[in-house]
Amino acid sequence: MSGYLEGDFLKSALQFNVGYKRKYFELAYSAKPTKLFYSSINGDLIFEGVDQKMALEGKRYGLVEQAITLSAGSEKVKLEIQLGSVWNDDNSQFVNESKYVSLGLKVDFNLLAK
């Protein structure tokens, strides 16, 4: 991979969630159908033999982003792990990361809570 791209995009999405919550444990599934529209693309980027500028310019792409999130710990501090995936339903030339893992720490800073 060599080069760079810069440009504008418009993103519209709806996110759906369902989960299970207890005092020390949370589990959630989320799905987000997304539409992306790219414009004013400048630069030159070839990735896996595909000109990404040509793959993006003036086109709309549909994605479905989904994740499973697990949080566990005390009432005030929880360790969180999220496993996610992105499915590109419109263009096999548009290359994106399809799976990810993220780690986080959730801290309740509400000083008024008992």
C-alpha atoms as a PDB file:
ATOM      1  CA  MET A   1       0.000   0.000   0.000  1.00  0.00           C
ATOM      2  CA  SER A   2       1.320   3.417  -0.921  1.00  0.00           C
ATOM      3  CA  GLY A   3      -0.168   6.876  -1.226  1.00  0.00           C
ATOM      4  CA  TYR A   4      -2.909   8.811   0.533  1.00  0.00           C
ATOM      5  CA  LEU A   5      -6.492   9.945   0.041  1.00  0.00           C
ATOM      6  CA  GLU A   6      -8.456  12.814   1.489  1.00  0.00           C
ATOM      7  CA  GLY A   7     -12.004  13.880   0.830  1.00  0.00           C
ATOM      8  CA  ASP A   8     -15.490  14.351   2.180  1.00  0.00           C
ATOM      9  CA  PHE A   9     -18.078  11.804   3.234  1.00  0.00           C
ATOM     10  CA  LEU A  10     -21.627  11.722   4.496  1.00  0.00           C
ATOM     11  CA  LYS A  11     -22.668   8.872   6.787  1.00  0.00           C
ATOM     12  CA  SER A  12     -26.218   7.938   7.757  1.00  0.00           C
ATOM     13  CA  ALA A  13     -27.013   5.060  10.090  1.00  0.00           C
ATOM     14  CA  LEU A  14     -29.515   3.490  12.447  1.00  0.00           C
ATOM     15  CA  GLN A  15     -28.271   1.490  15.415  1.00  0.00           C
ATOM     16  CA  PHE A  16     -30.186  -1.309  17.075  1.00  0.00           C
ATOM     17  CA  ASN A  17     -29.202  -2.769  20.457  1.00  0.00           C
ATOM     18  CA  VAL A  18     -30.334  -5.561  22.704  1.00  0.00           C
ATOM     19  CA  GLY A  19     -28.707  -6.444  25.976  1.00  0.00           C
ATOM     20  CA  TYR A  20     -28.698  -7.994  29.406  1.00  0.00           C
ATOM     21  CA  LYS A  21     -27.610  -5.992  32.467  1.00  0.00           C
ATOM     22  CA  ARG A  22     -26.857  -6.915  36.058  1.00  0.00           C
ATOM     23  CA  LYS A  23     -25.039  -5.102  38.832  1.00  0.00           C
ATOM     24  CA  TYR A  24     -21.582  -6.497  37.962  1.00  0.00           C
ATOM     25  CA  PHE A  25     -22.086  -7.767  34.396  1.00  0.00           C
ATOM     26  CA  GLU A  26     -23.410  -6.454  31.072  1.00  0.00           C
ATOM     27  CA  LEU A  27     -23.757  -8.168  27.698  1.00  0.00           C
ATOM     28  CA  ALA A  28     -25.002  -6.435  24.546  1.00  0.00           C
ATOM     29  CA  TYR A  29     -25.417  -7.027  20.826  1.00  0.00           C
ATOM     30  CA  SER A  30     -25.625  -4.084  18.451  1.00  0.00           C
ATOM     31  CA  ALA A  31     -26.147  -3.785  14.708  1.00  0.00           C
ATOM     32  CA  LYS A  32     -25.844  -0.632  12.644  1.00  0.00           C
ATOM     33  CA  PRO A  33     -26.914  -0.540   8.972  1.00  0.00           C
ATOM     34  CA  THR A  34     -24.944   2.335   7.442  1.00  0.00           C
ATOM     35  CA  LYS A  35     -24.814   4.207   4.125  1.00  0.00           C
ATOM     36  CA  LEU A  36     -21.652   6.100   3.141  1.00  0.00           C
ATOM     37  CA  PHE A  37     -21.345   8.633   0.333  1.00  0.00           C
ATOM     38  CA  TYR A  38     -17.866   9.837  -0.653  1.00  0.00           C
ATOM     39  CA  SER A  39     -17.117  13.024  -2.610  1.00  0.00           C
ATOM     40  CA  SER A  40     -14.264  15.417  -3.428  1.00  0.00           C
ATOM     41  CA  ILE A  41     -11.667  12.650  -3.228  1.00  0.00           C
ATOM     42  CA  ASN A  42      -8.087  13.878  -3.763  1.00  0.00           C
ATOM     43  CA  GLY A  43      -4.846  11.953  -3.770  1.00  0.00           C
ATOM     44  CA  ASP A  44      -3.638   8.619  -4.996  1.00  0.00           C
ATOM     45  CA  LEU A  45      -3.938   5.317  -3.126  1.00  0.00           C
ATOM     46  CA  ILE A  46      -3.513   1.842  -4.529  1.00  0.00           C
ATOM     47  CA  PHE A  47      -4.486  -0.923  -2.082  1.00  0.00           C
ATOM     48  CA  GLU A  48      -4.286  -4.602  -3.030  1.00  0.00           C
ATOM     49  CA  GLY A  49      -3.979  -3.573  -6.680  1.00  0.00           C
ATOM     50  CA  VAL A  50      -7.154  -1.449  -6.674  1.00  0.00           C
ATOM     51  CA  ASP A  51      -7.227   2.330  -7.213  1.00  0.00           C
ATOM     52  CA  GLN A  52      -9.184   3.378  -4.109  1.00  0.00           C
ATOM     53  CA  LYS A  53      -9.945   6.849  -5.489  1.00  0.00           C
ATOM     54  CA  MET A  54     -11.847   5.305  -8.399  1.00  0.00           C
ATOM     55  CA  ALA A  55     -13.556   2.847  -6.055  1.00  0.00           C
ATOM     56  CA  LEU A  56     -14.845   5.643  -3.784  1.00  0.00           C
ATOM     57  CA  GLU A  57     -15.502   8.812  -5.778  1.00  0.00           C
ATOM     58  CA  GLY A  58     -19.184   9.737  -6.063  1.00  0.00           C
ATOM     59  CA  LYS A  59     -20.448   6.348  -4.933  1.00  0.00           C
ATOM     60  CA  ARG A  60     -22.662   5.147  -2.109  1.00  0.00           C
ATOM     61  CA  TYR A  61     -21.713   2.138  -0.028  1.00  0.00           C
ATOM     62  CA  GLY A  62     -23.780   0.072   2.333  1.00  0.00           C
ATOM     63  CA  LEU A  63     -22.223  -1.411   5.433  1.00  0.00           C
ATOM     64  CA  VAL A  64     -23.552  -3.390   8.347  1.00  0.00           C
ATOM     65  CA  GLU A  65     -21.523  -2.876  11.499  1.00  0.00           C
ATOM     66  CA  GLN A  66     -22.222  -5.302  14.340  1.00  0.00           C
ATOM     67  CA  ALA A  67     -20.660  -5.952  17.725  1.00  0.00           C
ATOM     68  CA  ILE A  68     -20.909  -7.998  20.893  1.00  0.00           C
ATOM     69  CA  THR A  69     -19.885  -6.124  24.038  1.00  0.00           C
ATOM     70  CA  LEU A  70     -19.122  -7.689  27.421  1.00  0.00           C
ATOM     71  CA  SER A  71     -18.525  -5.598  30.557  1.00  0.00           C
ATOM     72  CA  ALA A  72     -17.712  -6.953  34.006  1.00  0.00           C
ATOM     73  CA  GLY A  73     -16.456  -5.516  37.278  1.00  0.00           C
ATOM     74  CA  SER A  74     -17.727  -3.474  40.198  1.00  0.00           C
ATOM     75  CA  GLU A  75     -20.650  -1.050  40.208  1.00  0.00           C
ATOM     76  CA  LYS A  76     -18.321   1.904  39.548  1.00  0.00           C
ATOM     77  CA  VAL A  77     -15.589   0.371  37.342  1.00  0.00           C
ATOM     78  CA  LYS A  78     -15.976  -2.278  34.644  1.00  0.00           C
ATOM     79  CA  LEU A  79     -13.551  -3.773  32.147  1.00  0.00           C
ATOM     80  CA  GLU A  80     -15.098  -3.932  28.691  1.00  0.00           C
ATOM     81  CA  ILE A  81     -14.271  -5.983  25.603  1.00  0.00           C
ATOM     82  CA  GLN A  82     -15.983  -5.566  22.255  1.00  0.00           C
ATOM     83  CA  LEU A  83     -15.787  -7.942  19.304  1.00  0.00           C
ATOM     84  CA  GLY A  84     -17.025  -6.415  16.085  1.00  0.00           C
ATOM     85  CA  SER A  85     -17.301  -6.950  12.376  1.00  0.00           C
ATOM     86  CA  VAL A  86     -18.125  -4.859   9.328  1.00  0.00           C
ATOM     87  CA  TRP A  87     -19.829  -6.315   6.285  1.00  0.00           C
ATOM     88  CA  ASN A  88     -19.563  -4.339   3.044  1.00  0.00           C
ATOM     89  CA  ASP A  89     -22.674  -5.159   0.974  1.00  0.00           C
ATOM     90  CA  ASP A  90     -22.043  -3.011  -2.102  1.00  0.00           C
ATOM     91  CA  ASN A  91     -18.521  -3.083  -3.455  1.00  0.00           C
ATOM     92  CA  SER A  92     -15.872  -5.751  -3.152  1.00  0.00           C
ATOM     93  CA  GLN A  93     -13.267  -3.230  -4.430  1.00  0.00           C
ATOM     94  CA  PHE A  94     -13.813  -1.035  -1.365  1.00  0.00           C
ATOM     95  CA  VAL A  95     -11.455  -2.629   1.152  1.00  0.00           C
ATOM     96  CA  ASN A  96     -12.100  -2.140   4.863  1.00  0.00           C
ATOM     97  CA  GLU A  97     -11.156  -3.860   8.085  1.00  0.00           C
ATOM     98  CA  SER A  98     -13.754  -6.577   8.519  1.00  0.00           C
ATOM     99  CA  LYS A  99     -13.133  -7.589  12.149  1.00  0.00           C
ATOM    100  CA  TYR A 100     -11.905  -5.821  15.268  1.00  0.00           C
ATOM    101  CA  VAL A 101     -11.428  -6.198  19.006  1.00  0.00           C
ATOM    102  CA  SER A 102     -11.399  -3.275  21.425  1.00  0.00           C
ATOM    103  CA  LEU A 103     -10.743  -3.092  25.160  1.00  0.00           C
ATOM    104  CA  GLY A 104     -11.954  -0.370  27.458  1.00  0.00           C
ATOM    105  CA  LEU A 105     -12.541   0.706  30.991  1.00  0.00           C
ATOM    106  CA  LYS A 106     -15.980   2.041  32.022  1.00  0.00           C
ATOM    107  CA  VAL A 107     -15.885   4.360  35.020  1.00  0.00           C
ATOM    108  CA  ASP A 108     -19.020   5.820  36.676  1.00  0.00           C
ATOM    109  CA  PHE A 109     -18.107   9.390  37.615  1.00  0.00           C
ATOM    110  CA  ASN A 110     -21.568  10.172  39.002  1.00  0.00           C
ATOM    111  CA  LEU A 111     -20.591  11.517  42.429  1.00  0.00           C
ATOM    112  CA  LEU A 112     -24.242  11.902  43.465  1.00  0.00           C
ATOM    113  CA  ALA A 113     -25.043   8.199  43.101  1.00  0.00           C
ATOM    114  CA  LYS A 114     -25.132   6.178  46.290  1.00  0.00           C
END
